[in-house]
C-alpha atoms as a PDB file:
ATOM      1  CA  MET A   1       7.413   0.057 -15.078  1.00  0.00           C
ATOM      2  CA  LYS A   2       7.497  -1.859 -11.888  1.00  0.00           C
ATOM      3  CA  GLU A   3       8.087  -4.995 -13.477  1.00  0.00           C
ATOM      4  CA  GLU A   4      10.919  -3.403 -15.680  1.00  0.00           C
ATOM      5  CA  MET A   5      12.552  -2.095 -12.489  1.00  0.00           C
ATOM      6  CA  ASP A   6      12.219  -5.323 -10.603  1.00  0.00           C
ATOM      7  CA  ASN A   7      13.891  -7.305 -13.415  1.00  0.00           C
ATOM      8  CA  LEU A   8      16.666  -4.645 -13.580  1.00  0.00           C
ATOM      9  CA  LYS A   9      17.156  -5.027  -9.979  1.00  0.00           C
ATOM     10  CA  GLN A  10      17.358  -8.738 -10.150  1.00  0.00           C
ATOM     11  CA  ASN A  11      19.822  -8.542 -12.817  1.00  0.00           C
ATOM     12  CA  ILE A  12      22.044  -6.393 -10.940  1.00  0.00           C
ATOM     13  CA  LEU A  13      21.916  -8.708  -8.101  1.00  0.00           C
ATOM     14  CA  ASP A  14      22.461 -11.784 -10.207  1.00  0.00           C
ATOM     15  CA  THR A  15      25.261 -10.608 -12.498  1.00  0.00           C
ATOM     16  CA  TYR A  16      27.014  -7.255 -11.533  1.00  0.00           C
ATOM     17  CA  PRO A  17      30.303  -7.340  -9.674  1.00  0.00           C
ATOM     18  CA  ARG A  18      29.831  -6.182  -5.885  1.00  0.00           C
ATOM     19  CA  LEU A  19      32.039  -3.519  -5.041  1.00  0.00           C
ATOM     20  CA  ALA A  20      33.223  -2.331  -1.577  1.00  0.00           C
ATOM     21  CA  LYS A  21      34.072   1.296  -0.597  1.00  0.00           C
ATOM     22  CA  THR A  22      37.732   0.470  -0.853  1.00  0.00           C
ATOM     23  CA  ASP A  23      37.677  -0.705  -4.388  1.00  0.00           C
ATOM     24  CA  LYS A  24      38.834   1.746  -6.999  1.00  0.00           C
ATOM     25  CA  PHE A  25      37.716   2.592 -10.633  1.00  0.00           C
ATOM     26  CA  LEU A  26      38.791   4.814 -13.484  1.00  0.00           C
ATOM     27  CA  PHE A  27      36.410   7.596 -14.272  1.00  0.00           C
ATOM     28  CA  ALA A  28      36.003  11.532 -14.757  1.00  0.00           C
ATOM     29  CA  CYS A  29      33.406  13.721 -16.094  1.00  0.00           C
ATOM     30  CA  HIS A  30      34.268  17.250 -17.269  1.00  0.00           C
ATOM     31  CA  PRO A  31      33.558  19.425 -20.535  1.00  0.00           C
ATOM     32  CA  GLY A  32      36.362  17.953 -22.275  1.00  0.00           C
ATOM     33  CA  VAL A  33      34.869  14.467 -22.451  1.00  0.00           C
ATOM     34  CA  PRO A  34      33.303  13.634 -25.735  1.00  0.00           C
ATOM     35  CA  CYS A  35      30.082  12.653 -24.155  1.00  0.00           C
ATOM     36  CA  PHE A  36      29.613  15.594 -21.758  1.00  0.00           C
ATOM     37  CA  ASN A  37      25.856  16.217 -21.041  1.00  0.00           C
ATOM     38  CA  ASP A  38      24.751  13.208 -23.142  1.00  0.00           C
ATOM     39  CA  CYS A  39      23.822  11.424 -20.105  1.00  0.00           C
ATOM     40  CA  CYS A  40      21.565  14.245 -18.918  1.00  0.00           C
ATOM     41  CA  ALA A  41      18.830  13.172 -21.703  1.00  0.00           C
ATOM     42  CA  ASP A  42      16.161  10.725 -22.020  1.00  0.00           C
ATOM     43  CA  VAL A  43      16.670   9.027 -18.695  1.00  0.00           C
ATOM     44  CA  ASN A  44      14.789   8.036 -15.759  1.00  0.00           C
ATOM     45  CA  ILE A  45      15.884   9.888 -12.766  1.00  0.00           C
ATOM     46  CA  PHE A  46      13.904   8.823  -9.451  1.00  0.00           C
ATOM     47  CA  LEU A  47      13.732  11.740  -7.086  1.00  0.00           C
ATOM     48  CA  THR A  48      14.311  11.187  -3.512  1.00  0.00           C
ATOM     49  CA  PRO A  49      12.581  13.293  -0.749  1.00  0.00           C
ATOM     50  CA  TYR A  50      15.718  15.045  -0.010  1.00  0.00           C
ATOM     51  CA  ASP A  51      16.374  15.451  -3.815  1.00  0.00           C
ATOM     52  CA  ILE A  52      13.019  17.537  -3.968  1.00  0.00           C
ATOM     53  CA  ILE A  53      13.790  19.498  -0.944  1.00  0.00           C
ATOM     54  CA  ARG A  54      17.223  20.522  -2.242  1.00  0.00           C
ATOM     55  CA  LEU A  55      16.041  21.400  -5.734  1.00  0.00           C
ATOM     56  CA  LYS A  56      12.849  23.127  -4.872  1.00  0.00           C
ATOM     57  CA  ASN A  57      14.797  25.468  -2.345  1.00  0.00           C
ATOM     58  CA  HIS A  58      17.691  25.829  -4.875  1.00  0.00           C
ATOM     59  CA  LEU A  59      15.141  27.356  -7.271  1.00  0.00           C
ATOM     60  CA  GLY A  60      13.114  29.127  -4.702  1.00  0.00           C
ATOM     61  CA  ILE A  61       9.752  27.595  -5.375  1.00  0.00           C
ATOM     62  CA  SER A  62       7.385  25.679  -3.549  1.00  0.00           C
ATOM     63  CA  SER A  63       7.535  21.835  -3.490  1.00  0.00           C
ATOM     64  CA  GLY A  64       3.972  21.894  -5.287  1.00  0.00           C
ATOM     65  CA  GLU A  65       5.425  24.192  -7.991  1.00  0.00           C
ATOM     66  CA  PHE A  66       8.450  22.008  -8.354  1.00  0.00           C
ATOM     67  CA  LEU A  67       6.391  18.826  -8.705  1.00  0.00           C
ATOM     68  CA  ALA A  68       4.031  20.437 -11.262  1.00  0.00           C
ATOM     69  CA  LYS A  69       6.852  21.922 -13.287  1.00  0.00           C
ATOM     70  CA  TYR A  70       9.727  19.615 -13.225  1.00  0.00           C
ATOM     71  CA  THR A  71       8.289  16.089 -12.363  1.00  0.00           C
ATOM     72  CA  VAL A  72       6.197  13.207 -13.622  1.00  0.00           C
ATOM     73  CA  SER A  73       4.521  10.457 -11.583  1.00  0.00           C
ATOM     74  CA  PRO A  74       4.087   7.215 -13.476  1.00  0.00           C
ATOM     75  CA  PHE A  75       1.208   4.960 -12.322  1.00  0.00           C
ATOM     76  CA  ASP A  76       1.418   1.261 -12.336  1.00  0.00           C
ATOM     77  CA  LYS A  77      -1.322  -1.002 -10.751  1.00  0.00           C
ATOM     78  CA  LYS A  78       1.535  -3.277  -9.386  1.00  0.00           C
ATOM     79  CA  GLN A  79       3.139  -0.197  -7.747  1.00  0.00           C
ATOM     80  CA  LYS A  80       3.339  -0.497  -4.028  1.00  0.00           C
ATOM     81  CA  PHE A  81       3.962   3.477  -3.343  1.00  0.00           C
ATOM     82  CA  PRO A  82       4.121   6.516  -5.320  1.00  0.00           C
ATOM     83  CA  VAL A  83       7.327   7.516  -7.063  1.00  0.00           C
ATOM     84  CA  VAL A  84       8.504  10.656  -8.883  1.00  0.00           C
ATOM     85  CA  LEU A  85      10.531  11.231 -11.711  1.00  0.00           C
ATOM     86  CA  LEU A  86      12.347  14.117 -13.062  1.00  0.00           C
ATOM     87  CA  LYS A  87      10.696  15.187 -16.189  1.00  0.00           C
ATOM     88  CA  MET A  88      12.618  15.652 -19.502  1.00  0.00           C
ATOM     89  CA  ASN A  89      11.839  18.289 -21.839  1.00  0.00           C
ATOM     90  CA  ASP A  90       9.671  17.874 -25.012  1.00  0.00           C
ATOM     91  CA  GLU A  91      12.457  18.333 -27.350  1.00  0.00           C
ATOM     92  CA  ALA A  92      13.678  15.433 -29.678  1.00  0.00           C
ATOM     93  CA  LYS A  93      16.678  14.991 -27.270  1.00  0.00           C
ATOM     94  CA  LYS A  94      14.486  14.908 -24.221  1.00  0.00           C
ATOM     95  CA  ALA A  95      17.247  16.677 -22.181  1.00  0.00           C
ATOM     96  CA  CYS A  96      16.849  17.509 -18.547  1.00  0.00           C
ATOM     97  CA  PHE A  97      15.403  20.821 -17.838  1.00  0.00           C
ATOM     98  CA  PHE A  98      18.565  21.920 -15.854  1.00  0.00           C
ATOM     99  CA  VAL A  99      21.173  20.955 -18.193  1.00  0.00           C
ATOM    100  CA  THR A 100      22.995  23.593 -20.187  1.00  0.00           C
ATOM    101  CA  ASP A 101      26.025  23.744 -22.493  1.00  0.00           C
ATOM    102  CA  ARG A 102      28.346  24.407 -19.765  1.00  0.00           C
ATOM    103  CA  GLY A 103      26.735  21.406 -17.695  1.00  0.00           C
ATOM    104  CA  CYS A 104      24.243  21.307 -14.851  1.00  0.00           C
ATOM    105  CA  SER A 105      22.450  24.661 -13.841  1.00  0.00           C
ATOM    106  CA  VAL A 106      21.388  23.161 -10.412  1.00  0.00           C
ATOM    107  CA  TYR A 107      24.898  21.196  -9.791  1.00  0.00           C
ATOM    108  CA  PRO A 108      25.154  22.259  -6.081  1.00  0.00           C
ATOM    109  CA  ASP A 109      21.802  20.626  -5.475  1.00  0.00           C
ATOM    110  CA  ARG A 110      21.632  17.831  -8.103  1.00  0.00           C
ATOM    111  CA  PRO A 111      19.830  14.692  -7.460  1.00  0.00           C
ATOM    112  CA  TRP A 112      21.279  11.657  -5.495  1.00  0.00           C
ATOM    113  CA  SER A 113      21.699   9.673  -8.877  1.00  0.00           C
ATOM    114  CA  CYS A 114      23.213  12.259 -10.654  1.00  0.00           C
ATOM    115  CA  ARG A 115      25.704  12.435  -7.652  1.00  0.00           C
ATOM    116  CA  MET A 116      26.435   8.764  -7.600  1.00  0.00           C
ATOM    117  CA  TYR A 117      26.781   8.214 -11.478  1.00  0.00           C
ATOM    118  CA  PRO A 118      28.577   6.106 -12.500  1.00  0.00           C
ATOM    119  CA  LEU A 119      28.076   4.262  -9.240  1.00  0.00           C
ATOM    120  CA  GLY A 120      24.811   2.377  -8.366  1.00  0.00           C
ATOM    121  CA  LEU A 121      23.786   1.187  -4.922  1.00  0.00           C
ATOM    122  CA  ALA A 122      21.855  -2.089  -4.766  1.00  0.00           C
ATOM    123  CA  SER A 123      19.989  -2.639  -1.564  1.00  0.00           C
ATOM    124  CA  PRO A 124      18.658  -6.189  -1.149  1.00  0.00           C
ATOM    125  CA  LYS A 125      15.803  -6.452   1.040  1.00  0.00           C
ATOM    126  CA  GLU A 126      16.769  -7.392   4.827  1.00  0.00           C
ATOM    127  CA  GLY A 127      15.883 -10.930   5.571  1.00  0.00           C
ATOM    128  CA  THR A 128      16.718 -12.424   2.246  1.00  0.00           C
ATOM    129  CA  ASP A 129      19.801 -14.474   1.244  1.00  0.00           C
ATOM    130  CA  GLU A 130      20.888 -11.755  -1.163  1.00  0.00           C
ATOM    131  CA  GLY A 131      23.409 -10.089   1.333  1.00  0.00           C
ATOM    132  CA  ALA A 132      23.919  -6.475   2.283  1.00  0.00           C
ATOM    133  CA  ASP A 133      24.001  -3.416   0.296  1.00  0.00           C
ATOM    134  CA  PHE A 134      26.736  -3.071  -2.236  1.00  0.00           C
ATOM    135  CA  TYR A 135      27.926  -0.808  -4.973  1.00  0.00           C
ATOM    136  CA  PHE A 136      28.369  -1.491  -8.774  1.00  0.00           C
ATOM    137  CA  LEU A 137      29.336   0.473 -11.940  1.00  0.00           C
ATOM    138  CA  MET A 138      27.146   1.297 -14.442  1.00  0.00           C
ATOM    139  CA  LYS A 139      29.135   1.073 -17.714  1.00  0.00           C
ATOM    140  CA  GLU A 140      27.204   2.538 -20.696  1.00  0.00           C
ATOM    141  CA  ASP A 141      28.318   2.786 -24.197  1.00  0.00           C
ATOM    142  CA  VAL A 142      27.447   6.388 -24.307  1.00  0.00           C
ATOM    143  CA  CYS A 143      29.851   7.343 -21.439  1.00  0.00           C
ATOM    144  CA  LYS A 144      33.297   7.911 -22.459  1.00  0.00           C
ATOM    145  CA  GLY A 145      34.152   8.916 -18.843  1.00  0.00           C
ATOM    146  CA  PHE A 146      35.495   5.461 -18.270  1.00  0.00           C
ATOM    147  CA  ASN A 147      38.369   6.151 -20.744  1.00  0.00           C
ATOM    148  CA  GLU A 148      39.835   8.913 -18.311  1.00  0.00           C
ATOM    149  CA  LYS A 149      42.613   8.201 -16.388  1.00  0.00           C
ATOM    150  CA  THR A 150      41.503   9.483 -13.053  1.00  0.00           C
ATOM    151  CA  GLU A 151      41.345   6.657 -10.328  1.00  0.00           C
ATOM    152  CA  GLN A 152      39.626   6.991  -7.097  1.00  0.00           C
ATOM    153  CA  SER A 153      38.205   4.583  -4.560  1.00  0.00           C
ATOM    154  CA  ILE A 154      34.399   4.467  -4.035  1.00  0.00           C
ATOM    155  CA  THR A 155      35.052   6.260  -0.572  1.00  0.00           C
ATOM    156  CA  GLN A 156      36.673   8.980  -2.543  1.00  0.00           C
ATOM    157  CA  TRP A 157      33.924   9.220  -5.156  1.00  0.00           C
ATOM    158  CA  LEU A 158      31.082   9.549  -2.499  1.00  0.00           C
ATOM    159  CA  GLY A 159      33.006  12.134  -0.696  1.00  0.00           C
ATOM    160  CA  ASP A 160      33.747  14.166  -3.556  1.00  0.00           C
ATOM    161  CA  GLN A 161      30.211  14.081  -4.696  1.00  0.00           C
ATOM    162  CA  GLY A 162      28.699  14.953  -1.102  1.00  0.00           C
ATOM    163  CA  ILE A 163      26.886  11.846  -0.659  1.00  0.00           C
ATOM    164  CA  ALA A 164      26.949  11.917   3.171  1.00  0.00           C
ATOM    165  CA  ALA A 165      24.432  14.738   3.266  1.00  0.00           C
ATOM    166  CA  TYR A 166      21.971  12.500   1.550  1.00  0.00           C
ATOM    167  CA  ASP A 167      22.627   9.216   3.605  1.00  0.00           C
ATOM    168  CA  GLU A 168      20.447   9.987   6.709  1.00  0.00           C
ATOM    169  CA  LEU A 169      17.298  10.921   4.892  1.00  0.00           C
ATOM    170  CA  GLY A 170      18.039   8.284   2.372  1.00  0.00           C
ATOM    171  CA  ARG A 171      17.937   5.654   5.194  1.00  0.00           C
ATOM    172  CA  LEU A 172      14.677   7.069   6.558  1.00  0.00           C
ATOM    173  CA  TYR A 173      13.168   6.917   3.069  1.00  0.00           C
ATOM    174  CA  LYS A 174      14.224   3.181   2.775  1.00  0.00           C
ATOM    175  CA  GLU A 175      12.780   2.410   6.064  1.00  0.00           C
ATOM    176  CA  ILE A 176       9.399   3.299   4.486  1.00  0.00           C
ATOM    177  CA  THR A 177       9.728   1.911   0.861  1.00  0.00           C
ATOM    178  CA  LEU A 178      11.427  -1.347   2.124  1.00  0.00           C
ATOM    179  CA  HIS A 179       9.115  -1.864   5.284  1.00  0.00           C
ATOM    180  CA  ASP A 180       8.030  -5.466   6.018  1.00  0.00           C
ATOM    181  CA  TYR A 181       4.354  -4.367   5.391  1.00  0.00           C
ATOM    182  CA  PHE A 182       4.928  -4.235   1.607  1.00  0.00           C
ATOM    183  CA  GLY A 183       7.193  -7.495   1.779  1.00  0.00           C
ATOM    184  CA  LYS A 184       4.056  -9.274   3.559  1.00  0.00           C
ATOM    185  CA  GLY A 185       2.039  -8.387   0.514  1.00  0.00           C
ATOM    186  CA  GLY A 186       0.446  -5.224   2.294  1.00  0.00           C
ATOM    187  CA  GLU A 187      -1.265  -2.670  -0.137  1.00  0.00           C
ATOM    188  CA  LEU A 188      -1.770   1.157   0.525  1.00  0.00           C
ATOM    189  CA  SER A 189      -5.267   2.388   0.124  1.00  0.00           C
ATOM    190  CA  PRO A 190      -5.793   5.419  -2.270  1.00  0.00           C
ATOM    191  CA  GLU A 191      -5.802   7.444   0.950  1.00  0.00           C
ATOM    192  CA  LYS A 192      -2.557   6.344   2.146  1.00  0.00           C
ATOM    193  CA  MET A 193      -1.007   6.670  -1.197  1.00  0.00           C
ATOM    194  CA  GLU A 194      -1.890  10.136  -0.980  1.00  0.00           C
ATOM    195  CA  MET A 195      -0.478  10.671   2.377  1.00  0.00           C
ATOM    196  CA  PHE A 196       2.868   8.790   1.208  1.00  0.00           C
ATOM    197  CA  HIS A 197       3.015  11.321  -1.734  1.00  0.00           C
ATOM    198  CA  LEU A 198       2.315  14.177   0.654  1.00  0.00           C
ATOM    199  CA  VAL A 199       5.005  13.428   3.055  1.00  0.00           C
ATOM    200  CA  CYS A 200       7.881  12.367   0.775  1.00  0.00           C
ATOM    201  CA  TYR A 201       7.303  14.658  -2.152  1.00  0.00           C
ATOM    202  CA  ASN A 202       5.242  17.530  -1.219  1.00  0.00           C
ATOM    203  CA  ILE A 203       6.817  18.805   2.031  1.00  0.00           C
ATOM    204  CA  ASP A 204       5.410  22.266   1.893  1.00  0.00           C
ATOM    205  CA  LYS A 205       1.864  21.033   1.564  1.00  0.00           C
ATOM    206  CA  PHE A 206       2.434  18.654   4.350  1.00  0.00           C
ATOM    207  CA  ARG A 207       3.742  21.416   6.591  1.00  0.00           C
ATOM    208  CA  SER A 208       0.350  23.223   5.765  1.00  0.00           C
ATOM    209  CA  PHE A 209      -1.411  19.919   6.858  1.00  0.00           C
ATOM    210  CA  ILE A 210       0.337  19.731  10.145  1.00  0.00           C
ATOM    211  CA  LEU A 211       0.194  23.407  11.128  1.00  0.00           C
ATOM    212  CA  GLY A 212      -3.145  24.144   9.483  1.00  0.00           C
ATOM    213  CA  SER A 213      -5.381  21.367  10.374  1.00  0.00           C
ATOM    214  CA  SER A 214      -6.229  19.939  13.783  1.00  0.00           C
ATOM    215  CA  PHE A 215      -3.364  17.544  13.872  1.00  0.00           C
ATOM    216  CA  LEU A 216      -1.310  19.015  16.658  1.00  0.00           C
ATOM    217  CA  ARG A 217      -4.590  19.150  18.742  1.00  0.00           C
ATOM    218  CA  LYS A 218      -4.996  15.455  18.434  1.00  0.00           C
ATOM    219  CA  PHE A 219      -1.323  14.114  18.726  1.00  0.00           C
ATOM    220  CA  GLU A 220       1.444  14.657  21.177  1.00  0.00           C
ATOM    221  CA  VAL A 221       4.229  16.388  19.563  1.00  0.00           C
ATOM    222  CA  ASP A 222       7.250  17.863  21.510  1.00  0.00           C
ATOM    223  CA  PRO A 223       7.148  21.546  21.240  1.00  0.00           C
ATOM    224  CA  ALA A 224      10.778  21.903  20.427  1.00  0.00           C
ATOM    225  CA  VAL A 225       9.813  19.567  17.223  1.00  0.00           C
ATOM    226  CA  ILE A 226       6.935  21.910  16.383  1.00  0.00           C
ATOM    227  CA  GLU A 227       9.176  24.898  16.373  1.00  0.00           C
ATOM    228  CA  LYS A 228      11.802  22.918  14.229  1.00  0.00           C
ATOM    229  CA  ILE A 229       9.201  21.743  11.476  1.00  0.00           C
ATOM    230  CA  LYS A 230       7.820  25.132  10.953  1.00  0.00           C
ATOM    231  CA  THR A 231      10.910  26.270   8.964  1.00  0.00           C
ATOM    232  CA  ASP A 232      13.131  23.312   8.506  1.00  0.00           C
ATOM    233  CA  ASP A 233      12.188  20.948   5.671  1.00  0.00           C
ATOM    234  CA  VAL A 234      14.716  18.341   6.660  1.00  0.00           C
ATOM    235  CA  GLU A 235      13.310  18.221  10.179  1.00  0.00           C
ATOM    236  CA  LEU A 236       9.691  18.144   8.708  1.00  0.00           C
ATOM    237  CA  PHE A 237      10.501  15.073   6.603  1.00  0.00           C
ATOM    238  CA  LYS A 238      12.036  13.233   9.646  1.00  0.00           C
ATOM    239  CA  PHE A 239       8.999  13.915  11.544  1.00  0.00           C
ATOM    240  CA  GLY A 240       6.955  12.776   8.494  1.00  0.00           C
ATOM    241  CA  CYS A 241       8.553   9.476   8.450  1.00  0.00           C
ATOM    242  CA  THR A 242       7.496   8.920  12.044  1.00  0.00           C
ATOM    243  CA  TRP A 243       4.016   9.831  11.163  1.00  0.00           C
ATOM    244  CA  LEU A 244       4.016   7.564   8.125  1.00  0.00           C
ATOM    245  CA  LYS A 245       5.186   4.589  10.112  1.00  0.00           C
ATOM    246  CA  PHE A 246       2.015   5.205  12.342  1.00  0.00           C
ATOM    247  CA  SER A 247      -0.514   6.108   9.674  1.00  0.00           C
ATOM    248  CA  LEU A 248       0.514   3.732   6.941  1.00  0.00           C
ATOM    249  CA  PHE A 249       1.831   0.668   8.970  1.00  0.00           C
ATOM    250  CA  GLY A 250       0.091   0.950  12.416  1.00  0.00           C
ATOM    251  CA  GLU A 251       3.571   1.317  14.277  1.00  0.00           C
ATOM    252  CA  LYS A 252       3.167   2.930  17.699  1.00  0.00           C
ATOM    253  CA  THR A 253       5.274   5.934  16.715  1.00  0.00           C
ATOM    254  CA  MET A 254       2.944   8.590  17.600  1.00  0.00           C
ATOM    255  CA  LYS A 255       0.685   9.126  20.616  1.00  0.00           C
ATOM    256  CA  ILE A 256      -2.886  10.363  20.599  1.00  0.00           C
ATOM    257  CA  LYS A 257      -3.597  12.967  23.373  1.00  0.00           C
ATOM    258  CA  ASP A 258      -5.290  11.450  26.242  1.00  0.00           C
ATOM    259  CA  ASP A 259      -8.312  13.909  26.240  1.00  0.00           C
ATOM    260  CA  VAL A 260      -8.844  12.984  22.495  1.00  0.00           C
ATOM    261  CA  ARG A 261      -8.554   9.294  23.026  1.00  0.00           C
ATOM    262  CA  ALA A 262     -10.972   9.616  26.064  1.00  0.00           C
ATOM    263  CA  ALA A 263     -13.471  11.408  23.994  1.00  0.00           C
ATOM    264  CA  ARG A 264     -13.253   8.953  21.158  1.00  0.00           C
ATOM    265  CA  GLU A 265     -13.704   5.952  23.607  1.00  0.00           C
ATOM    266  CA  THR A 266     -16.942   7.827  25.168  1.00  0.00           C
ATOM    267  CA  GLU A 267     -18.259   8.533  21.478  1.00  0.00           C
ATOM    268  CA  MET A 268     -17.695   4.634  20.743  1.00  0.00           C
ATOM    269  CA  LYS A 269     -19.482   3.740  23.828  1.00  0.00           C
ATOM    270  CA  ASN A 270     -22.510   5.828  23.119  1.00  0.00           C
ATOM    271  CA  ARG A 271     -22.857   4.690  19.686  1.00  0.00           C
ATOM    272  CA  SER A 272     -22.841   0.798  20.908  1.00  0.00           C
ATOM    273  CA  THR A 273     -25.174   1.525  23.855  1.00  0.00           C
ATOM    274  CA  PRO A 274     -28.889   0.519  22.878  1.00  0.00           C
ATOM    275  CA  ARG A 275     -31.424   3.298  23.018  1.00  0.00           C
ATOM    276  CA  GLY A 276     -35.095   3.220  24.350  1.00  0.00           C
END
């Protein structure tokens, strides 16, 4: 899957017209469009951390329950980090679990990619000659929404679809997934893969890890932050990104408590001191 996605990204970078926020396009989606709901089947929808937070809270279930019931996690040896896709049902059409005859049953909290469609956002890696992020149109034969006469700018579309709420956490997520560590050939161990998955996708279990283990006895964390992450999934994910930069990439974004550090140094010194 990674090779397929890499090829698609390169094709977008090489051939798709690059659109700015002021550019306009014709498109509308509503029950009167002949293809209504057709795009909600047999499609790969990659879920962001904020997608999962919104969806599991909309459904009133834990992130673990949501992952088990509504997602799949494909594995590829070339994969740099875990990804999560929205599961389609087992019927012949392979429709999304949340689509109904009247449309999306989780519409207020639908995933980022569903909100964006038919827009795509390409994010070339910083430090390359491929330029800055840009928007592009995904014109598929199945979609008749392009025959509608509704015109809007990309800025208007993003505003109407509520994309702004997804932007901050999206940037944090990209800081992890596009980290220089991967660009320089770094690989995550199975343990680090598990930690990435825990923070980014299983937010409720991550909270249990932070609050139920010795974590807060080992690391300096602002008491105000601790209070926020007890109940706020968004604040917890923000904190999780700080933790991932420390635990996955060795950045100095976390500080071990002085007494814990001193105890470790004493233990290491005792281990290295010859006996007898």
